[in-house]
Amino acid sequence: MLNLVHILTATLALSAGVVGITIPANQTEGVYTVTTGADGQDVFVRIGDITPGPLTEAAAISGPGRLGRRATTWPQKTNPICPEARYLKHYDFYDGGAWQGFYSSCQSVGDTRFKNGKAVYAFWGGAVAYMCSYQSNPCNVQEWVDAVNWVQNSCRGVDGPYFAPGYLSIPAWKKAYGYANSETSFC
C-alpha cells in the first residue's frame, strides 16, 4: 500500500508542473511559436498569417478512412493519444485555416530546428494545429500529414460539425504533432 501512495504522490507532483500551452484569449488568429521565458511565463511570437482557402493537394489525402500505407517510418512506441477534451470544429481545422496555416508554416521553415520546450502552432477560430518539441526538432510536412491521418483514424469521436482532438506522441524523437480545440491546453 505504501508503494502505491508513493507512486500516486510522484505522479501528482510530476503532473502538477505540466500545464501545457494555453492560447491567450486576446490572441489574433495566425501562426506562432511559444517558448518559456526566464520568468517561467509563456512567450508567444507571431511568425505568420493564415489566409483561409482551399487546402493544398496534400490535404486531400488527409482525413479519416484514408490512412493506407504511411510514408513516415515511425520509431517504436509512437502512438496516437485521444484526450477527453473539448471537440473542435471541422471548418476551423480544415476549411478555416488551422490545417493549412500549420502545413504552410511547417513547409516554409524547412529544416529550422525548434529547441527544447518550444512549440509551433497555427490557430484559427476554435482549432489549433501544433508541433511540440522536447529537444531540437524540425517541423516536417510529411510527418504532419501522416500524424494527422493516424490520429484521426484513432480518435474517431464525431458530433455533427465537431470532431475529437488528438496528438501523435513520438517519444524516440521527443516531439508530438496534434490538433485541439483552441480553448484547451496542448503540449
N, C-alpha and C. Protein backbone atom coordinates (compact mmCIF):
# COMPACT_ATOMS: atom_id res chain seq x y z
N MET A 1 0.82 -1.19 0.00
CA MET A 1 0.00 0.00 0.00
C MET A 1 0.87 1.26 0.00
N LEU A 2 1.97 1.20 0.75
CA LEU A 2 2.87 2.34 0.82
C LEU A 2 3.45 2.67 -0.55
N ASN A 3 3.81 1.65 -1.33
CA ASN A 3 4.34 1.88 -2.68
C ASN A 3 3.32 2.57 -3.57
N LEU A 4 2.06 2.19 -3.46
CA LEU A 4 1.00 2.82 -4.24
C LEU A 4 0.88 4.29 -3.89
N VAL A 5 0.96 4.62 -2.61
CA VAL A 5 0.90 6.02 -2.17
C VAL A 5 2.07 6.80 -2.75
N HIS A 6 3.27 6.22 -2.74
CA HIS A 6 4.45 6.89 -3.30
C HIS A 6 4.29 7.12 -4.79
N ILE A 7 3.78 6.12 -5.49
CA ILE A 7 3.58 6.25 -6.94
C ILE A 7 2.55 7.34 -7.23
N LEU A 8 1.45 7.35 -6.51
CA LEU A 8 0.42 8.38 -6.73
C LEU A 8 0.95 9.76 -6.41
N THR A 9 1.70 9.89 -5.32
CA THR A 9 2.27 11.18 -4.94
C THR A 9 3.24 11.67 -6.01
N ALA A 10 4.11 10.79 -6.49
CA ALA A 10 5.08 11.17 -7.52
C ALA A 10 4.37 11.56 -8.81
N THR A 11 3.34 10.82 -9.17
CA THR A 11 2.58 11.13 -10.39
C THR A 11 1.92 12.50 -10.27
N LEU A 12 1.30 12.78 -9.14
CA LEU A 12 0.65 14.07 -8.94
C LEU A 12 1.67 15.20 -8.94
N ALA A 13 2.81 14.98 -8.33
CA ALA A 13 3.85 16.01 -8.29
C ALA A 13 4.36 16.31 -9.69
N LEU A 14 4.59 15.28 -10.48
CA LEU A 14 5.07 15.49 -11.84
C LEU A 14 4.02 16.15 -12.71
N SER A 15 2.79 15.71 -12.60
CA SER A 15 1.74 16.26 -13.46
C SER A 15 1.35 17.67 -13.04
N ALA A 16 1.59 18.05 -11.81
CA ALA A 16 1.24 19.40 -11.36
C ALA A 16 2.05 20.45 -12.10
N GLY A 17 3.30 20.11 -12.46
CA GLY A 17 4.13 21.06 -13.18
C GLY A 17 3.87 21.09 -14.67
N VAL A 18 3.10 20.18 -15.19
CA VAL A 18 2.83 20.10 -16.61
C VAL A 18 1.46 20.69 -16.90
N VAL A 19 1.44 21.95 -17.29
CA VAL A 19 0.18 22.62 -17.54
C VAL A 19 -0.14 22.67 -19.01
N GLY A 20 0.87 22.78 -19.84
CA GLY A 20 0.64 22.90 -21.27
C GLY A 20 0.56 24.35 -21.70
N ILE A 21 0.34 24.53 -22.98
CA ILE A 21 0.24 25.86 -23.57
C ILE A 21 -1.23 26.20 -23.71
N THR A 22 -1.59 27.40 -23.30
CA THR A 22 -2.95 27.89 -23.48
C THR A 22 -2.87 29.18 -24.29
N ILE A 23 -3.60 29.24 -25.38
CA ILE A 23 -3.60 30.43 -26.24
C ILE A 23 -4.29 31.56 -25.49
N PRO A 24 -3.64 32.74 -25.39
CA PRO A 24 -4.26 33.87 -24.70
C PRO A 24 -5.59 34.25 -25.35
N ALA A 25 -6.54 34.66 -24.54
CA ALA A 25 -7.90 34.97 -25.02
C ALA A 25 -7.90 36.07 -26.09
N ASN A 26 -6.98 37.00 -26.03
CA ASN A 26 -6.98 38.13 -26.98
C ASN A 26 -6.06 37.91 -28.18
N GLN A 27 -5.50 36.72 -28.32
CA GLN A 27 -4.56 36.46 -29.41
C GLN A 27 -5.30 36.39 -30.75
N THR A 28 -4.75 37.06 -31.76
CA THR A 28 -5.36 37.02 -33.09
C THR A 28 -4.96 35.72 -33.79
N GLU A 29 -5.80 35.30 -34.71
CA GLU A 29 -5.54 34.07 -35.45
C GLU A 29 -4.25 34.22 -36.26
N GLY A 30 -3.49 33.14 -36.32
CA GLY A 30 -2.23 33.16 -37.05
C GLY A 30 -1.36 32.00 -36.65
N VAL A 31 -0.09 32.10 -37.02
CA VAL A 31 0.89 31.06 -36.71
C VAL A 31 1.88 31.64 -35.71
N TYR A 32 2.19 30.87 -34.68
CA TYR A 32 3.02 31.34 -33.57
C TYR A 32 4.05 30.30 -33.16
N THR A 33 5.12 30.79 -32.52
CA THR A 33 5.99 29.92 -31.75
C THR A 33 5.77 30.32 -30.30
N VAL A 34 6.03 29.39 -29.41
CA VAL A 34 5.92 29.69 -27.98
C VAL A 34 7.07 29.01 -27.26
N THR A 35 7.68 29.77 -26.36
CA THR A 35 8.74 29.26 -25.50
C THR A 35 8.43 29.68 -24.08
N THR A 36 9.18 29.16 -23.14
CA THR A 36 9.03 29.58 -21.75
C THR A 36 10.12 30.60 -21.47
N GLY A 37 9.70 31.78 -21.01
CA GLY A 37 10.65 32.84 -20.70
C GLY A 37 11.38 32.59 -19.39
N ALA A 38 12.36 33.44 -19.09
CA ALA A 38 13.15 33.32 -17.87
C ALA A 38 12.28 33.41 -16.62
N ASP A 39 11.16 34.12 -16.74
CA ASP A 39 10.25 34.27 -15.59
C ASP A 39 9.27 33.11 -15.47
N GLY A 40 9.39 32.11 -16.37
CA GLY A 40 8.51 30.95 -16.32
C GLY A 40 7.21 31.13 -17.07
N GLN A 41 7.00 32.29 -17.67
CA GLN A 41 5.78 32.57 -18.43
C GLN A 41 5.98 32.22 -19.90
N ASP A 42 4.89 31.85 -20.56
CA ASP A 42 4.96 31.56 -21.99
C ASP A 42 5.20 32.84 -22.77
N VAL A 43 6.08 32.76 -23.77
CA VAL A 43 6.38 33.89 -24.65
C VAL A 43 5.91 33.49 -26.04
N PHE A 44 4.94 34.24 -26.58
CA PHE A 44 4.35 33.95 -27.88
C PHE A 44 4.92 34.91 -28.93
N VAL A 45 5.36 34.37 -30.07
CA VAL A 45 5.88 35.18 -31.16
C VAL A 45 5.11 34.81 -32.42
N ARG A 46 4.46 35.81 -33.00
CA ARG A 46 3.70 35.58 -34.24
C ARG A 46 4.69 35.46 -35.39
N ILE A 47 4.59 34.36 -36.16
CA ILE A 47 5.51 34.17 -37.29
C ILE A 47 4.79 34.14 -38.64
N GLY A 48 3.45 34.23 -38.62
CA GLY A 48 2.75 34.21 -39.90
C GLY A 48 1.26 34.42 -39.78
N ASP A 49 0.67 34.76 -40.91
CA ASP A 49 -0.78 34.93 -41.01
C ASP A 49 -1.38 33.67 -41.60
N ILE A 50 -2.69 33.55 -41.45
CA ILE A 50 -3.42 32.46 -42.08
C ILE A 50 -4.44 33.07 -43.02
N THR A 51 -4.41 32.63 -44.26
CA THR A 51 -5.40 33.05 -45.24
C THR A 51 -6.27 31.85 -45.55
N PRO A 52 -7.52 31.87 -45.09
CA PRO A 52 -8.39 30.72 -45.37
C PRO A 52 -8.56 30.52 -46.86
N GLY A 53 -8.67 29.29 -47.25
CA GLY A 53 -8.85 28.99 -48.66
C GLY A 53 -8.77 27.50 -48.88
N PRO A 54 -8.76 27.11 -50.14
CA PRO A 54 -8.70 25.67 -50.45
C PRO A 54 -7.43 25.05 -49.87
N LEU A 55 -7.57 23.82 -49.41
CA LEU A 55 -6.42 23.11 -48.87
C LEU A 55 -5.47 22.72 -49.99
N THR A 56 -4.22 22.48 -49.62
CA THR A 56 -3.24 22.01 -50.59
C THR A 56 -3.61 20.61 -51.05
N GLU A 57 -2.97 20.15 -52.08
CA GLU A 57 -3.24 18.81 -52.59
C GLU A 57 -2.98 17.75 -51.51
N ALA A 58 -1.98 18.01 -50.67
CA ALA A 58 -1.68 17.05 -49.60
C ALA A 58 -2.86 16.90 -48.65
N ALA A 59 -3.64 17.97 -48.48
CA ALA A 59 -4.79 17.90 -47.58
C ALA A 59 -5.83 16.94 -48.10
N ALA A 60 -5.89 16.80 -49.40
CA ALA A 60 -6.88 15.90 -49.99
C ALA A 60 -6.65 14.45 -49.59
N ILE A 61 -5.39 14.10 -49.29
CA ILE A 61 -5.12 12.72 -48.88
C ILE A 61 -5.30 12.53 -47.38
N SER A 62 -5.50 13.65 -46.67
CA SER A 62 -5.66 13.57 -45.22
C SER A 62 -7.12 13.34 -44.87
N GLY A 63 -7.35 12.75 -43.74
CA GLY A 63 -8.71 12.59 -43.26
C GLY A 63 -9.02 11.18 -42.88
N PRO A 64 -10.05 11.01 -42.06
CA PRO A 64 -10.42 9.68 -41.59
C PRO A 64 -10.67 8.72 -42.75
N GLY A 65 -10.26 7.48 -42.57
CA GLY A 65 -10.52 6.46 -43.56
C GLY A 65 -9.53 6.41 -44.70
N ARG A 66 -8.51 7.27 -44.67
CA ARG A 66 -7.56 7.29 -45.78
C ARG A 66 -6.13 7.05 -45.32
N LEU A 67 -5.97 6.31 -44.27
CA LEU A 67 -4.64 6.12 -43.71
C LEU A 67 -3.72 5.40 -44.68
N GLY A 68 -4.09 4.21 -45.10
CA GLY A 68 -3.25 3.48 -46.04
C GLY A 68 -1.84 3.29 -45.52
N ARG A 69 -0.90 3.18 -46.41
CA ARG A 69 0.49 2.99 -46.04
C ARG A 69 1.12 4.35 -45.75
N ARG A 70 1.68 4.50 -44.58
CA ARG A 70 2.28 5.78 -44.19
C ARG A 70 3.64 5.95 -44.87
N ALA A 71 3.94 7.19 -45.23
CA ALA A 71 5.23 7.49 -45.82
C ALA A 71 6.30 7.64 -44.75
N THR A 72 5.89 7.99 -43.54
CA THR A 72 6.83 8.17 -42.44
C THR A 72 7.06 6.83 -41.75
N THR A 73 8.31 6.52 -41.51
CA THR A 73 8.64 5.33 -40.72
C THR A 73 8.78 5.79 -39.28
N TRP A 74 7.77 5.49 -38.49
CA TRP A 74 7.74 5.96 -37.10
C TRP A 74 8.59 5.06 -36.22
N PRO A 75 9.27 5.65 -35.24
CA PRO A 75 10.03 4.82 -34.30
C PRO A 75 9.09 4.04 -33.38
N GLN A 76 9.64 3.03 -32.71
CA GLN A 76 8.85 2.25 -31.77
C GLN A 76 8.29 3.16 -30.68
N LYS A 77 7.17 2.75 -30.14
CA LYS A 77 6.45 3.43 -29.05
C LYS A 77 5.77 4.72 -29.50
N THR A 78 5.74 4.99 -30.81
CA THR A 78 4.97 6.12 -31.31
C THR A 78 3.51 5.70 -31.24
N ASN A 79 2.67 6.56 -30.68
CA ASN A 79 1.25 6.19 -30.62
C ASN A 79 0.35 7.41 -30.55
N PRO A 80 -0.86 7.27 -31.09
CA PRO A 80 -1.83 8.35 -31.03
C PRO A 80 -2.46 8.42 -29.64
N ILE A 81 -2.69 9.63 -29.18
CA ILE A 81 -3.33 9.87 -27.89
C ILE A 81 -4.62 10.63 -28.16
N CYS A 82 -5.70 10.16 -27.57
CA CYS A 82 -7.02 10.77 -27.75
C CYS A 82 -7.50 11.31 -26.40
N PRO A 83 -7.13 12.54 -26.05
CA PRO A 83 -7.53 13.07 -24.74
C PRO A 83 -9.04 13.33 -24.69
N GLU A 84 -9.59 13.21 -23.52
CA GLU A 84 -11.01 13.56 -23.35
C GLU A 84 -11.06 15.06 -23.13
N ALA A 85 -11.22 15.79 -24.21
CA ALA A 85 -11.22 17.25 -24.16
C ALA A 85 -12.28 17.76 -25.12
N ARG A 86 -12.47 19.09 -25.11
CA ARG A 86 -13.45 19.70 -26.00
C ARG A 86 -13.16 19.39 -27.45
N TYR A 87 -14.22 19.10 -28.19
CA TYR A 87 -14.10 18.85 -29.62
C TYR A 87 -13.78 20.15 -30.35
N LEU A 88 -13.28 20.04 -31.58
CA LEU A 88 -13.02 21.21 -32.40
C LEU A 88 -13.88 21.14 -33.65
N LYS A 89 -14.09 22.31 -34.26
CA LYS A 89 -14.92 22.38 -35.46
C LYS A 89 -14.13 21.94 -36.69
N HIS A 90 -14.78 21.10 -37.47
CA HIS A 90 -14.19 20.64 -38.73
C HIS A 90 -13.84 21.85 -39.60
N TYR A 91 -14.74 22.83 -39.69
CA TYR A 91 -14.50 24.01 -40.53
C TYR A 91 -13.24 24.76 -40.08
N ASP A 92 -13.11 25.01 -38.77
CA ASP A 92 -11.97 25.78 -38.28
C ASP A 92 -10.64 25.06 -38.52
N PHE A 93 -10.67 23.74 -38.43
CA PHE A 93 -9.43 22.99 -38.62
C PHE A 93 -9.07 22.88 -40.10
N TYR A 94 -10.01 22.45 -40.91
CA TYR A 94 -9.71 22.21 -42.33
C TYR A 94 -9.95 23.44 -43.20
N ASP A 95 -11.18 23.92 -43.28
CA ASP A 95 -11.53 24.98 -44.21
C ASP A 95 -11.12 26.37 -43.73
N GLY A 96 -11.24 26.61 -42.44
CA GLY A 96 -10.95 27.93 -41.89
C GLY A 96 -9.49 28.30 -41.93
N GLY A 97 -8.62 27.37 -41.63
CA GLY A 97 -7.22 27.71 -41.77
C GLY A 97 -6.20 27.08 -40.85
N ALA A 98 -6.58 26.42 -39.75
CA ALA A 98 -5.56 25.86 -38.85
C ALA A 98 -4.69 24.82 -39.56
N TRP A 99 -5.32 23.90 -40.29
CA TRP A 99 -4.57 22.86 -41.00
C TRP A 99 -3.63 23.49 -42.02
N GLN A 100 -4.19 24.32 -42.89
CA GLN A 100 -3.40 24.93 -43.96
C GLN A 100 -2.33 25.85 -43.40
N GLY A 101 -2.67 26.62 -42.36
CA GLY A 101 -1.69 27.52 -41.75
C GLY A 101 -0.50 26.76 -41.19
N PHE A 102 -0.79 25.64 -40.52
CA PHE A 102 0.31 24.85 -39.97
C PHE A 102 1.12 24.22 -41.09
N TYR A 103 0.44 23.62 -42.05
CA TYR A 103 1.12 22.96 -43.18
C TYR A 103 2.06 23.95 -43.87
N SER A 104 1.55 25.12 -44.23
CA SER A 104 2.34 26.12 -44.96
C SER A 104 3.53 26.61 -44.13
N SER A 105 3.29 26.86 -42.85
CA SER A 105 4.37 27.35 -41.99
C SER A 105 5.42 26.29 -41.76
N CYS A 106 4.99 25.07 -41.55
CA CYS A 106 5.92 23.95 -41.36
C CYS A 106 6.79 23.80 -42.61
N GLN A 107 6.17 23.90 -43.76
CA GLN A 107 6.89 23.79 -45.03
C GLN A 107 7.87 24.95 -45.19
N SER A 108 7.46 26.16 -44.82
CA SER A 108 8.31 27.34 -45.05
C SER A 108 9.52 27.40 -44.11
N VAL A 109 9.42 26.80 -42.92
CA VAL A 109 10.57 26.84 -42.00
C VAL A 109 11.60 25.77 -42.35
N GLY A 110 11.25 24.86 -43.24
CA GLY A 110 12.20 23.87 -43.74
C GLY A 110 12.88 23.08 -42.64
N ASP A 111 14.20 23.15 -42.63
CA ASP A 111 14.98 22.38 -41.66
C ASP A 111 15.26 23.15 -40.37
N THR A 112 14.60 24.29 -40.17
CA THR A 112 14.76 25.02 -38.91
C THR A 112 14.44 24.09 -37.76
N ARG A 113 15.30 24.08 -36.76
CA ARG A 113 15.09 23.20 -35.62
C ARG A 113 14.48 24.01 -34.48
N PHE A 114 13.42 23.48 -33.91
CA PHE A 114 12.77 24.11 -32.78
C PHE A 114 13.37 23.52 -31.51
N LYS A 115 13.87 24.39 -30.67
CA LYS A 115 14.60 23.97 -29.48
C LYS A 115 13.71 23.28 -28.46
N ASN A 116 14.35 22.71 -27.45
CA ASN A 116 13.67 22.04 -26.35
C ASN A 116 12.64 22.96 -25.71
N GLY A 117 11.44 22.46 -25.56
CA GLY A 117 10.39 23.22 -24.90
C GLY A 117 9.71 24.24 -25.78
N LYS A 118 9.99 24.22 -27.06
CA LYS A 118 9.38 25.18 -27.98
C LYS A 118 8.28 24.48 -28.77
N ALA A 119 7.28 25.24 -29.11
CA ALA A 119 6.19 24.71 -29.93
C ALA A 119 5.91 25.69 -31.05
N VAL A 120 5.39 25.16 -32.14
CA VAL A 120 4.91 25.99 -33.24
C VAL A 120 3.46 25.57 -33.46
N TYR A 121 2.58 26.56 -33.64
CA TYR A 121 1.17 26.22 -33.84
C TYR A 121 0.48 27.23 -34.73
N ALA A 122 -0.60 26.76 -35.36
CA ALA A 122 -1.47 27.60 -36.18
C ALA A 122 -2.84 27.60 -35.51
N PHE A 123 -3.36 28.79 -35.28
CA PHE A 123 -4.61 28.97 -34.55
C PHE A 123 -5.62 29.67 -35.46
N TRP A 124 -6.78 29.03 -35.62
CA TRP A 124 -7.86 29.62 -36.41
C TRP A 124 -9.18 29.25 -35.77
N GLY A 125 -9.98 30.26 -35.41
CA GLY A 125 -11.30 30.00 -34.82
C GLY A 125 -11.18 29.11 -33.60
N GLY A 126 -11.87 27.99 -33.63
CA GLY A 126 -11.87 27.07 -32.49
C GLY A 126 -10.90 25.92 -32.63
N ALA A 127 -9.88 26.06 -33.51
CA ALA A 127 -8.95 24.95 -33.74
C ALA A 127 -7.50 25.42 -33.67
N VAL A 128 -6.65 24.54 -33.20
CA VAL A 128 -5.21 24.77 -33.20
C VAL A 128 -4.52 23.50 -33.69
N ALA A 129 -3.57 23.67 -34.60
CA ALA A 129 -2.74 22.58 -35.11
C ALA A 129 -1.33 22.86 -34.60
N TYR A 130 -0.61 21.84 -34.13
CA TYR A 130 0.66 22.14 -33.47
C TYR A 130 1.71 21.04 -33.58
N MET A 131 2.96 21.45 -33.27
CA MET A 131 4.07 20.54 -33.05
C MET A 131 4.74 20.96 -31.75
N CYS A 132 4.95 20.01 -30.86
CA CYS A 132 5.66 20.26 -29.61
C CYS A 132 7.05 19.65 -29.75
N SER A 133 8.07 20.39 -29.33
CA SER A 133 9.44 19.90 -29.42
C SER A 133 10.04 19.82 -28.03
N TYR A 134 10.50 18.64 -27.66
CA TYR A 134 11.10 18.42 -26.34
C TYR A 134 12.61 18.23 -26.44
N GLN A 135 13.15 18.50 -27.60
CA GLN A 135 14.58 18.53 -27.88
C GLN A 135 14.66 19.25 -29.22
N SER A 136 15.81 19.45 -29.80
CA SER A 136 15.91 20.19 -31.05
C SER A 136 15.32 19.36 -32.19
N ASN A 137 14.20 19.84 -32.78
CA ASN A 137 13.47 19.09 -33.80
C ASN A 137 13.04 19.98 -34.96
N PRO A 138 13.07 19.45 -36.18
CA PRO A 138 12.50 20.17 -37.32
C PRO A 138 11.00 19.90 -37.41
N CYS A 139 10.30 20.78 -38.07
CA CYS A 139 8.89 20.56 -38.40
C CYS A 139 8.89 19.96 -39.80
N ASN A 140 8.27 18.80 -39.96
CA ASN A 140 8.31 18.09 -41.23
C ASN A 140 6.88 17.91 -41.75
N VAL A 141 6.61 18.43 -42.95
CA VAL A 141 5.27 18.39 -43.52
C VAL A 141 4.75 16.96 -43.69
N GLN A 142 5.58 16.05 -44.19
CA GLN A 142 5.11 14.68 -44.38
C GLN A 142 4.78 14.03 -43.04
N GLU A 143 5.60 14.28 -42.02
CA GLU A 143 5.29 13.76 -40.69
C GLU A 143 3.94 14.31 -40.22
N TRP A 144 3.72 15.61 -40.43
CA TRP A 144 2.47 16.25 -40.00
C TRP A 144 1.26 15.58 -40.66
N VAL A 145 1.30 15.42 -41.97
CA VAL A 145 0.19 14.79 -42.69
C VAL A 145 -0.03 13.36 -42.19
N ASP A 146 1.04 12.61 -42.06
CA ASP A 146 0.92 11.22 -41.59
C ASP A 146 0.42 11.16 -40.15
N ALA A 147 0.88 12.08 -39.31
CA ALA A 147 0.44 12.11 -37.91
C ALA A 147 -1.05 12.41 -37.83
N VAL A 148 -1.52 13.40 -38.58
CA VAL A 148 -2.95 13.74 -38.57
C VAL A 148 -3.77 12.55 -39.04
N ASN A 149 -3.34 11.89 -40.10
CA ASN A 149 -4.07 10.72 -40.59
C ASN A 149 -4.17 9.64 -39.52
N TRP A 150 -3.06 9.33 -38.89
CA TRP A 150 -3.04 8.28 -37.88
C TRP A 150 -3.94 8.65 -36.70
N VAL A 151 -3.82 9.88 -36.23
CA VAL A 151 -4.62 10.33 -35.09
C VAL A 151 -6.10 10.31 -35.43
N GLN A 152 -6.47 10.81 -36.60
CA GLN A 152 -7.90 10.84 -36.94
C GLN A 152 -8.48 9.45 -37.12
N ASN A 153 -7.68 8.50 -37.50
CA ASN A 153 -8.16 7.13 -37.59
C ASN A 153 -8.27 6.48 -36.22
N SER A 154 -7.62 7.05 -35.23
CA SER A 154 -7.66 6.51 -33.87
C SER A 154 -8.64 7.26 -32.97
N CYS A 155 -8.72 8.56 -33.13
CA CYS A 155 -9.58 9.41 -32.30
C CYS A 155 -10.83 9.74 -33.11
N ARG A 156 -11.77 8.82 -33.14
CA ARG A 156 -12.88 8.89 -34.08
C ARG A 156 -14.13 9.61 -33.60
N GLY A 157 -14.09 10.25 -32.46
CA GLY A 157 -15.29 10.92 -31.97
C GLY A 157 -15.77 12.01 -32.91
N VAL A 158 -17.03 11.98 -33.28
CA VAL A 158 -17.63 12.99 -34.15
C VAL A 158 -18.99 13.37 -33.58
N ASP A 159 -19.28 14.67 -33.58
CA ASP A 159 -20.57 15.16 -33.11
C ASP A 159 -21.00 16.27 -34.04
N GLY A 160 -21.70 15.92 -35.11
CA GLY A 160 -22.11 16.91 -36.12
C GLY A 160 -20.87 17.51 -36.77
N PRO A 161 -20.74 18.86 -36.72
CA PRO A 161 -19.60 19.51 -37.35
C PRO A 161 -18.33 19.49 -36.48
N TYR A 162 -18.37 18.80 -35.35
CA TYR A 162 -17.23 18.76 -34.43
C TYR A 162 -16.56 17.39 -34.47
N PHE A 163 -15.26 17.35 -34.15
CA PHE A 163 -14.58 16.06 -34.05
C PHE A 163 -13.58 16.10 -32.90
N ALA A 164 -13.14 14.91 -32.50
CA ALA A 164 -12.29 14.75 -31.32
C ALA A 164 -10.87 15.25 -31.55
N PRO A 165 -10.27 15.85 -30.52
CA PRO A 165 -8.87 16.25 -30.60
C PRO A 165 -7.96 15.05 -30.44
N GLY A 166 -6.70 15.22 -30.76
CA GLY A 166 -5.73 14.15 -30.57
C GLY A 166 -4.34 14.60 -30.96
N TYR A 167 -3.37 13.78 -30.58
CA TYR A 167 -1.99 14.06 -30.98
C TYR A 167 -1.22 12.76 -31.10
N LEU A 168 -0.12 12.83 -31.85
CA LEU A 168 0.74 11.67 -32.02
C LEU A 168 1.98 11.89 -31.16
N SER A 169 2.14 11.05 -30.16
CA SER A 169 3.30 11.10 -29.27
C SER A 169 4.43 10.31 -29.90
N ILE A 170 5.59 10.96 -30.06
CA ILE A 170 6.75 10.33 -30.69
C ILE A 170 7.92 10.41 -29.70
N PRO A 171 7.91 9.57 -28.66
CA PRO A 171 8.91 9.67 -27.60
C PRO A 171 10.36 9.55 -28.08
N ALA A 172 10.63 8.68 -29.04
CA ALA A 172 12.01 8.49 -29.51
C ALA A 172 12.56 9.76 -30.16
N TRP A 173 11.69 10.55 -30.76
CA TRP A 173 12.12 11.80 -31.38
C TRP A 173 11.89 12.99 -30.48
N LYS A 174 11.29 12.76 -29.33
CA LYS A 174 10.99 13.81 -28.35
C LYS A 174 10.20 14.96 -28.99
N LYS A 175 9.10 14.56 -29.65
CA LYS A 175 8.23 15.56 -30.26
C LYS A 175 6.83 14.99 -30.37
N ALA A 176 5.88 15.84 -30.69
CA ALA A 176 4.50 15.42 -30.90
C ALA A 176 3.86 16.36 -31.92
N TYR A 177 2.94 15.81 -32.70
CA TYR A 177 2.11 16.60 -33.62
C TYR A 177 0.67 16.39 -33.20
N GLY A 178 -0.14 17.44 -33.27
CA GLY A 178 -1.53 17.24 -32.90
C GLY A 178 -2.43 18.39 -33.28
N TYR A 179 -3.67 18.27 -32.83
CA TYR A 179 -4.67 19.31 -33.05
C TYR A 179 -5.64 19.27 -31.88
N ALA A 180 -6.18 20.44 -31.56
CA ALA A 180 -7.06 20.54 -30.39
C ALA A 180 -8.02 21.71 -30.56
N ASN A 181 -8.97 21.79 -29.65
CA ASN A 181 -9.82 22.97 -29.55
C ASN A 181 -8.92 24.10 -29.06
N SER A 182 -9.04 25.28 -29.64
CA SER A 182 -8.14 26.39 -29.30
C SER A 182 -8.35 26.94 -27.89
N GLU A 183 -9.41 26.51 -27.22
CA GLU A 183 -9.64 26.98 -25.85
C GLU A 183 -9.12 25.99 -24.81
N THR A 184 -8.46 24.93 -25.25
CA THR A 184 -7.88 23.96 -24.32
C THR A 184 -6.36 24.02 -24.42
N SER A 185 -5.68 23.47 -23.44
CA SER A 185 -4.21 23.48 -23.48
C SER A 185 -3.69 22.32 -24.32
N PHE A 186 -2.46 22.47 -24.79
CA PHE A 186 -1.81 21.44 -25.59
C PHE A 186 -0.32 21.45 -25.27
N CYS A 187 0.38 20.44 -25.73
CA CYS A 187 1.81 20.23 -25.45
C CYS A 187 2.01 19.96 -23.96
